């Protein structure tokens, strides 16, 4: 097991910013990617973005491009989701996830099924 602990969620006004953090404990040297997903009430969990550790490459959902940025600190086993220009439709529980599966496909990590460890989630609420 690799526990993932998220933090940084909260209530923010539209147009504001938040930074979410996700720290992995335990053995993570064989983990190739970290991802962020979100789930709004009554909706399915959706991909937000991902970071491939070895390549340093990031991928984003269309809804996140230009507003959200993922960065990582390998030494701290921590990945961050920087969210700017937040909108009420960004309101959701945000989950981080870690994947031991390697792929160079841009869309491979869009799929939640390709991640095998998950955090407990952190609530982000954006008021209008």
Protein backbone atom coordinates (compact mmCIF):
# COMPACT_ATOMS: atom_id res chain seq x y z
CA UNK A 1 0.00 0.00 0.00
CA UNK A 2 1.07 3.54 -0.73
CA UNK A 3 -1.01 6.01 1.24
CA UNK A 4 -1.65 9.27 -0.52
CA UNK A 5 -2.60 12.29 1.53
CA UNK A 6 -4.14 15.34 -0.09
CA UNK A 7 -4.44 18.79 1.38
CA UNK A 8 -5.20 22.34 0.32
CA UNK A 9 -8.86 22.20 -0.52
CA UNK A 10 -11.32 24.80 0.67
CA UNK A 11 -13.76 27.52 -0.26
CA UNK A 12 -12.72 30.18 -2.73
CA UNK A 13 -14.50 32.82 -4.77
CA UNK A 14 -14.73 32.57 -8.52
CA UNK A 15 -11.56 33.86 -10.11
CA UNK A 16 -9.49 32.84 -7.12
CA UNK A 17 -6.71 30.31 -6.76
CA UNK A 18 -5.93 27.22 -4.72
CA UNK A 19 -3.01 24.84 -4.53
CA UNK A 20 -3.65 21.22 -3.73
CA UNK A 21 -0.89 18.96 -2.47
CA UNK A 22 -0.61 15.20 -2.54
CA UNK A 23 2.13 13.36 -0.69
CA UNK A 24 2.84 9.69 -1.09
CA UNK A 25 4.39 7.63 1.65
CA UNK A 26 5.90 4.21 1.39
CA UNK A 27 7.76 2.83 -1.60
CA UNK A 28 7.13 4.99 -4.62
CA UNK A 29 10.28 4.42 -6.70
CA UNK A 30 8.32 2.21 -9.10
CA UNK A 31 5.52 4.70 -9.62
CA UNK A 32 5.57 6.28 -13.04
CA UNK A 33 2.84 8.88 -12.82
CA UNK A 34 0.65 10.89 -10.50
CA UNK A 35 -2.75 12.08 -11.52
CA UNK A 36 -5.49 14.39 -10.37
CA UNK A 37 -9.15 13.58 -10.82
CA UNK A 38 -12.31 15.22 -9.56
CA UNK A 39 -15.87 14.23 -8.89
CA UNK A 40 -18.76 16.63 -8.60
CA UNK A 41 -22.06 15.62 -6.97
CA UNK A 42 -24.09 13.44 -9.29
CA UNK A 43 -21.30 13.19 -11.84
CA UNK A 44 -18.69 10.63 -12.69
CA UNK A 45 -15.08 11.00 -11.69
CA UNK A 46 -13.20 12.88 -14.38
CA UNK A 47 -9.57 13.38 -15.32
CA UNK A 48 -8.00 16.74 -14.49
CA UNK A 49 -4.31 16.23 -15.19
CA UNK A 50 -1.31 13.98 -14.74
CA UNK A 51 2.44 14.12 -14.34
CA UNK A 52 4.83 11.50 -15.66
CA UNK A 53 7.72 11.49 -13.20
CA UNK A 54 10.56 10.23 -15.38
CA UNK A 55 9.72 12.31 -18.42
CA UNK A 56 8.59 15.34 -16.46
CA UNK A 57 5.67 15.65 -18.84
CA UNK A 58 2.23 16.87 -17.86
CA UNK A 59 -1.15 16.28 -19.42
CA UNK A 60 -4.37 18.19 -18.84
CA UNK A 61 -8.04 17.86 -19.52
CA UNK A 62 -9.42 20.56 -21.79
CA UNK A 63 -11.26 22.07 -18.83
CA UNK A 64 -7.95 22.53 -17.00
CA UNK A 65 -5.69 23.75 -19.78
CA UNK A 66 -4.48 27.29 -19.29
CA UNK A 67 -5.80 27.48 -15.73
CA UNK A 68 -4.35 24.50 -13.85
CA UNK A 69 -0.72 23.46 -13.56
CA UNK A 70 0.74 20.27 -12.11
CA UNK A 71 4.18 20.24 -10.60
CA UNK A 72 6.06 17.67 -8.60
CA UNK A 73 8.82 17.38 -6.05
CA UNK A 74 10.31 13.94 -6.46
CA UNK A 75 12.44 14.23 -3.34
CA UNK A 76 9.32 14.84 -1.26
CA UNK A 77 7.12 12.38 -3.17
CA UNK A 78 4.71 15.27 -3.54
CA UNK A 79 2.69 16.50 -6.47
CA UNK A 80 0.87 19.80 -6.60
CA UNK A 81 -2.16 21.02 -8.49
CA UNK A 82 -2.08 24.78 -8.90
CA UNK A 83 -5.53 26.04 -9.81
CA UNK A 84 -6.09 29.57 -11.06
CA UNK A 85 -9.12 31.43 -12.42
CA UNK A 86 -11.38 29.03 -10.61
CA UNK A 87 -15.00 28.72 -11.72
CA UNK A 88 -18.07 27.46 -9.87
CA UNK A 89 -18.07 24.43 -12.18
CA UNK A 90 -14.69 23.45 -10.73
CA UNK A 91 -16.46 22.61 -7.48
CA UNK A 92 -15.80 18.95 -6.71
CA UNK A 93 -13.91 16.53 -4.55
CA UNK A 94 -10.40 16.34 -5.93
CA UNK A 95 -8.46 13.09 -5.73
CA UNK A 96 -4.84 12.37 -6.41
CA UNK A 97 -3.73 8.98 -7.63
CA UNK A 98 -0.51 7.15 -8.31
CA UNK A 99 0.23 4.71 -11.09
CA UNK A 100 2.80 1.92 -11.28
CA UNK A 101 2.04 1.46 -14.95
CA UNK A 102 4.33 2.87 -17.57
CA UNK A 103 3.04 4.37 -20.77
CA UNK A 104 4.23 6.98 -23.19
CA UNK A 105 0.72 7.44 -24.49
CA UNK A 106 -0.61 10.91 -23.89
CA UNK A 107 -4.06 9.62 -23.04
CA UNK A 108 -3.14 6.54 -21.03
CA UNK A 109 -3.27 8.41 -17.74
CA UNK A 110 -6.62 9.97 -18.58
CA UNK A 111 -8.13 6.70 -17.43
CA UNK A 112 -8.69 6.33 -13.70
CA UNK A 113 -8.43 2.58 -14.11
CA UNK A 114 -4.71 2.95 -14.86
CA UNK A 115 -4.03 4.27 -11.38
CA UNK A 116 -3.75 1.87 -8.49
CA UNK A 117 -3.43 4.06 -5.40
CA UNK A 118 -5.80 6.83 -4.42
CA UNK A 119 -6.01 9.56 -1.83
CA UNK A 120 -9.06 10.24 0.29
CA UNK A 121 -10.03 13.36 -1.62
CA UNK A 122 -10.19 17.02 -0.71
CA UNK A 123 -13.19 19.28 -1.25
CA UNK A 124 -12.87 22.34 -3.45
CA UNK A 125 -15.82 24.72 -3.48
CA UNK A 126 -15.90 27.75 -5.75
CA UNK A 127 -18.56 30.33 -5.00
CA UNK A 128 -19.98 32.63 -7.63
